[in-house]
């Protein structure tokens, strides 16, 4: 009986792992750009978010394969997709909730929520206790014109421009102009907001129409947010970390 004890205690506690049908997006499509914002300090919290151990897009396989089909269409038109966030562990959502309740921390307000009082983030639906991202089939993404220029470095501490400022004034991003930056807590982020017209509206519709033709559903309040349907895990909120180790099933 004691012989088995050493192996039992020696097993490293790596935390939960992903089900077999979760994949790293780059194993399905190497050409989709990845700018995993919550692995960096360039987000509305201003620091790397809990659970993001690597800058890796993880999705359920059906969602990843549908993105690959969308990418194939866009490449022919001279564009590429770029993902900002994919699967998001529950511990990351919990980090957002703790941050939203800390009304003293408004370090990133001038960029991400200039016109929203921080006390309103829950009531106005910008922050919630659960996120569809934790179910593994939701992705935040944009379009980049090819050849993709590199996105300039994000410099923490630099003066922040509002996320709805003209594109050349906002934080650097090689995306086409969508009228607001990603994660802009503002009604201008509503996909079909009538104030967003011309090229900006056309860019939003290119993203929306391409993805919706392949089974994704857009969240009307966020031009960047799409969920693949039918979801393999419509009711499960996962908490495995964002890392290659979580995908230990060898894909």
Protein backbone atom coordinates (compact mmCIF):
# COMPACT_ATOMS: atom_id res chain seq x y z
CA UNK A 1 0.00 0.00 0.00
CA UNK A 2 2.78 2.44 0.83
CA UNK A 3 4.47 1.70 -2.51
CA UNK A 4 1.81 3.62 -4.39
CA UNK A 5 2.02 6.69 -2.17
CA UNK A 6 5.11 8.35 -3.72
CA UNK A 7 3.64 8.39 -7.24
CA UNK A 8 0.37 9.77 -5.93
CA UNK A 9 2.06 12.67 -4.14
CA UNK A 10 4.65 13.31 -6.87
CA UNK A 11 2.04 14.08 -9.53
CA UNK A 12 2.26 17.83 -10.28
CA UNK A 13 -0.96 19.74 -9.70
CA UNK A 14 -1.34 21.39 -13.09
CA UNK A 15 -4.95 22.40 -12.61
CA UNK A 16 -7.85 21.50 -14.86
CA UNK A 17 -7.25 20.56 -18.48
CA UNK A 18 -9.37 21.11 -21.56
CA UNK A 19 -11.67 18.50 -23.06
CA UNK A 20 -10.30 16.75 -26.17
CA UNK A 21 -12.25 18.89 -28.61
CA UNK A 22 -10.54 22.12 -27.56
CA UNK A 23 -7.66 23.08 -29.87
CA UNK A 24 -5.05 25.78 -30.29
CA UNK A 25 -6.29 27.88 -33.23
CA UNK A 26 -2.87 27.83 -34.88
CA UNK A 27 -3.10 24.05 -35.30
CA UNK A 28 -6.22 24.64 -37.45
CA UNK A 29 -5.14 27.89 -39.16
CA UNK A 30 -1.60 29.27 -38.99
CA UNK A 31 -2.44 32.42 -40.95
CA UNK A 32 -4.91 34.05 -38.53
CA UNK A 33 -3.09 36.74 -36.56
CA UNK A 34 -3.19 36.56 -32.76
CA UNK A 35 -2.91 39.60 -30.51
CA UNK A 36 -4.00 38.14 -27.21
CA UNK A 37 -4.74 41.31 -25.28
CA UNK A 38 -5.44 39.80 -21.86
CA UNK A 39 -1.95 38.29 -21.79
CA UNK A 40 -0.64 41.88 -21.97
CA UNK A 41 -1.21 45.03 -19.90
CA UNK A 42 -3.01 46.65 -22.87
CA UNK A 43 -6.57 46.07 -21.68
CA UNK A 44 -9.17 47.86 -19.57
CA UNK A 45 -7.68 46.49 -16.32
CA UNK A 46 -4.14 47.55 -17.22
CA UNK A 47 -2.37 44.30 -16.27
CA UNK A 48 -2.14 40.72 -17.46
CA UNK A 49 -5.35 38.90 -16.57
CA UNK A 50 -5.47 35.82 -14.32
CA UNK A 51 -5.36 32.52 -16.22
CA UNK A 52 -3.55 33.81 -19.32
CA UNK A 53 -0.27 31.92 -19.07
CA UNK A 54 0.56 32.09 -22.77
CA UNK A 55 -0.60 34.33 -25.63
CA UNK A 56 -2.61 31.52 -27.15
CA UNK A 57 -6.01 31.36 -28.86
CA UNK A 58 -7.83 28.21 -27.71
CA UNK A 59 -11.28 27.33 -29.08
CA UNK A 60 -13.57 24.36 -29.52
CA UNK A 61 -12.67 22.60 -32.76
CA UNK A 62 -15.93 23.49 -34.59
CA UNK A 63 -15.40 27.20 -33.83
CA UNK A 64 -11.75 27.03 -34.91
CA UNK A 65 -12.65 25.25 -38.15
CA UNK A 66 -15.37 27.81 -38.93
CA UNK A 67 -12.82 30.61 -38.39
CA UNK A 68 -10.50 28.83 -40.82
CA UNK A 69 -13.26 28.87 -43.43
CA UNK A 70 -13.84 32.59 -42.81
CA UNK A 71 -10.11 33.24 -43.13
CA UNK A 72 -9.99 31.44 -46.48
CA UNK A 73 -12.69 33.80 -47.79
CA UNK A 74 -10.99 36.93 -46.44
CA UNK A 75 -7.51 36.03 -47.71
CA UNK A 76 -8.93 36.00 -51.25
CA UNK A 77 -10.12 39.57 -50.69
CA UNK A 78 -6.77 40.78 -49.38
CA UNK A 79 -7.56 40.63 -45.67
CA UNK A 80 -6.73 38.47 -42.65
CA UNK A 81 -8.56 37.88 -39.39
CA UNK A 82 -6.89 38.87 -36.12
CA UNK A 83 -8.10 37.49 -32.79
CA UNK A 84 -7.90 39.45 -29.54
CA UNK A 85 -9.46 36.86 -27.23
CA UNK A 86 -10.79 33.32 -27.59
CA UNK A 87 -11.46 30.86 -24.75
CA UNK A 88 -11.38 32.80 -21.46
CA UNK A 89 -11.08 30.94 -18.14
CA UNK A 90 -13.59 31.68 -15.37
CA UNK A 91 -10.70 32.92 -13.19
CA UNK A 92 -10.12 35.69 -15.77
CA UNK A 93 -13.78 36.70 -15.60
CA UNK A 94 -13.47 36.73 -11.79
CA UNK A 95 -10.46 39.08 -12.19
CA UNK A 96 -12.63 41.44 -14.31
CA UNK A 97 -15.36 41.37 -11.65
CA UNK A 98 -12.92 42.18 -8.81
CA UNK A 99 -11.52 45.03 -10.88
CA UNK A 100 -14.99 46.40 -11.69
CA UNK A 101 -15.87 46.51 -7.98
CA UNK A 102 -12.66 48.43 -7.14
CA UNK A 103 -13.90 51.93 -7.93
CA UNK A 104 -10.53 53.48 -7.00
CA UNK A 105 -8.77 51.74 -9.90
CA UNK A 106 -9.54 53.84 -12.96
CA UNK A 107 -6.07 53.73 -14.52
CA UNK A 108 -7.36 52.80 -17.99
CA UNK A 109 -10.58 54.85 -17.97
CA UNK A 110 -9.40 57.49 -20.45
CA UNK A 111 -8.90 54.84 -23.13
CA UNK A 112 -11.49 52.12 -22.54
CA UNK A 113 -14.49 53.74 -20.81
CA UNK A 114 -14.12 57.53 -21.02
CA UNK A 115 -17.88 58.22 -21.05
CA UNK A 116 -19.05 55.46 -18.66
CA UNK A 117 -19.01 55.90 -14.89
CA UNK A 118 -17.25 52.90 -13.39
CA UNK A 119 -20.16 52.35 -10.98
CA UNK A 120 -22.29 51.56 -14.08
CA UNK A 121 -20.16 48.77 -15.61
CA UNK A 122 -22.38 45.95 -14.31
CA UNK A 123 -25.71 47.74 -14.80
CA UNK A 124 -24.81 48.73 -18.36
CA UNK A 125 -23.70 45.19 -19.22
CA UNK A 126 -20.01 45.86 -19.85
CA UNK A 127 -18.90 43.46 -17.10
CA UNK A 128 -20.71 40.28 -16.00
CA UNK A 129 -20.07 37.39 -13.59
CA UNK A 130 -20.08 34.91 -16.48
CA UNK A 131 -18.84 35.16 -20.05
CA UNK A 132 -19.71 33.13 -23.11
CA UNK A 133 -15.96 33.08 -23.79
CA UNK A 134 -15.57 30.56 -20.95
CA UNK A 135 -17.67 28.05 -22.95
CA UNK A 136 -14.97 27.96 -25.63
CA UNK A 137 -16.84 28.92 -28.80
CA UNK A 138 -16.77 32.71 -28.53
CA UNK A 139 -14.07 34.87 -30.08
CA UNK A 140 -13.22 38.59 -30.15
CA UNK A 141 -11.67 39.52 -33.47
CA UNK A 142 -11.09 42.08 -36.21
CA UNK A 143 -9.83 42.32 -39.79
CA UNK A 144 -6.37 43.46 -40.95
CA UNK A 145 -5.56 44.53 -44.51
CA UNK A 146 -2.75 42.56 -46.16
CA UNK A 147 0.17 42.85 -46.16
CA UNK A 148 -0.26 43.26 -42.39
CA UNK A 149 1.81 46.08 -40.94
CA UNK A 150 3.16 45.38 -37.45
CA UNK A 151 1.17 46.96 -34.62
CA UNK A 152 3.32 49.52 -32.83
CA UNK A 153 4.31 48.75 -29.24
CA UNK A 154 1.93 49.50 -26.41
CA UNK A 155 3.70 51.73 -23.89
CA UNK A 156 2.18 51.53 -20.38
CA UNK A 157 1.94 54.94 -18.74
CA UNK A 158 1.60 56.85 -21.99
CA UNK A 159 -1.24 59.37 -22.27
CA UNK A 160 -4.36 57.43 -23.24
CA UNK A 161 -6.57 58.47 -26.14
CA UNK A 162 -10.27 57.55 -26.07
CA UNK A 163 -11.11 54.26 -27.80
CA UNK A 164 -13.52 56.11 -30.11
CA UNK A 165 -10.99 58.79 -31.18
CA UNK A 166 -9.95 58.90 -34.86
CA UNK A 167 -7.91 55.80 -35.65
CA UNK A 168 -4.57 57.61 -35.96
CA UNK A 169 -5.00 59.01 -32.43
CA UNK A 170 -5.94 55.72 -30.72
CA UNK A 171 -3.53 53.14 -29.30
CA UNK A 172 -1.68 51.46 -32.18
CA UNK A 173 -3.50 48.61 -33.90
CA UNK A 174 -2.97 47.32 -37.45
CA UNK A 175 -6.71 46.59 -37.78
CA UNK A 176 -8.87 48.23 -40.43
CA UNK A 177 -10.82 51.17 -38.99
CA UNK A 178 -13.88 49.83 -37.18
CA UNK A 179 -14.88 53.20 -35.69
CA UNK A 180 -13.79 52.20 -32.18
CA UNK A 181 -10.99 50.11 -30.75
CA UNK A 182 -11.54 46.59 -29.37
CA UNK A 183 -13.09 46.54 -25.87
CA UNK A 184 -14.37 50.10 -26.15
CA UNK A 185 -17.02 50.39 -23.41
CA UNK A 186 -19.23 52.79 -25.36
CA UNK A 187 -22.45 52.65 -27.34
CA UNK A 188 -20.40 53.44 -30.47
CA UNK A 189 -19.21 49.82 -30.22
CA UNK A 190 -22.74 48.59 -31.02
CA UNK A 191 -22.22 46.82 -34.34
CA UNK A 192 -24.91 48.73 -36.23
CA UNK A 193 -24.75 52.05 -34.36
CA UNK A 194 -26.11 54.57 -36.91
CA UNK A 195 -23.35 57.10 -36.10
CA UNK A 196 -20.78 54.70 -37.57
CA UNK A 197 -20.96 55.12 -41.35
CA UNK A 198 -18.88 54.92 -44.52
CA UNK A 199 -15.72 52.83 -44.50
CA UNK A 200 -16.01 52.05 -40.77
CA UNK A 201 -19.49 50.59 -41.21
CA UNK A 202 -18.41 48.68 -44.33
CA UNK A 203 -15.53 47.13 -42.36
CA UNK A 204 -17.87 46.05 -39.55
CA UNK A 205 -20.27 44.53 -42.06
CA UNK A 206 -17.46 42.68 -43.85
CA UNK A 207 -16.54 41.00 -40.55
CA UNK A 208 -20.17 40.37 -39.55
CA UNK A 209 -21.38 39.05 -42.90
CA UNK A 210 -18.34 36.81 -43.42
CA UNK A 211 -18.66 35.21 -39.99
CA UNK A 212 -22.45 34.96 -39.89
CA UNK A 213 -22.45 33.08 -43.20
CA UNK A 214 -20.35 30.39 -41.44
CA UNK A 215 -22.45 29.91 -38.30
CA UNK A 216 -21.26 32.68 -35.99
CA UNK A 217 -23.67 35.02 -34.20
CA UNK A 218 -22.61 38.59 -33.42
CA UNK A 219 -23.31 40.24 -30.07
CA UNK A 220 -25.15 43.42 -31.11
CA UNK A 221 -23.37 45.53 -28.47
CA UNK A 222 -19.83 44.59 -29.54
CA UNK A 223 -18.75 44.62 -33.19
CA UNK A 224 -15.81 42.30 -32.35
CA UNK A 225 -17.70 39.56 -30.42
CA UNK A 226 -18.93 36.39 -32.18
CA UNK A 227 -20.16 33.00 -30.92
CA UNK A 228 -20.15 29.87 -33.05
CA UNK A 229 -23.51 28.03 -33.00
CA UNK A 230 -24.48 25.41 -32.14
CA UNK A 231 -22.03 25.56 -29.21
CA UNK A 232 -20.57 22.20 -28.18
CA UNK A 233 -20.73 23.37 -24.51
CA UNK A 234 -23.71 25.74 -24.23
CA UNK A 235 -23.94 25.49 -20.43
CA UNK A 236 -20.37 24.80 -19.26
CA UNK A 237 -18.01 27.52 -18.01
CA UNK A 238 -14.47 26.15 -18.04
CA UNK A 239 -11.57 27.33 -15.89
CA UNK A 240 -8.47 25.61 -17.30
CA UNK A 241 -5.64 28.14 -17.89
CA UNK A 242 -4.81 29.52 -21.32
CA UNK A 243 -1.67 27.51 -22.05
CA UNK A 244 -0.46 24.71 -24.31
CA UNK A 245 -0.28 22.50 -21.19
CA UNK A 246 -4.05 22.68 -20.79
CA UNK A 247 -4.33 21.00 -24.18
CA UNK A 248 -2.38 18.01 -22.92
CA UNK A 249 -4.32 15.64 -25.16
CA UNK A 250 -1.59 16.14 -27.76
CA UNK A 251 -3.32 18.02 -30.60
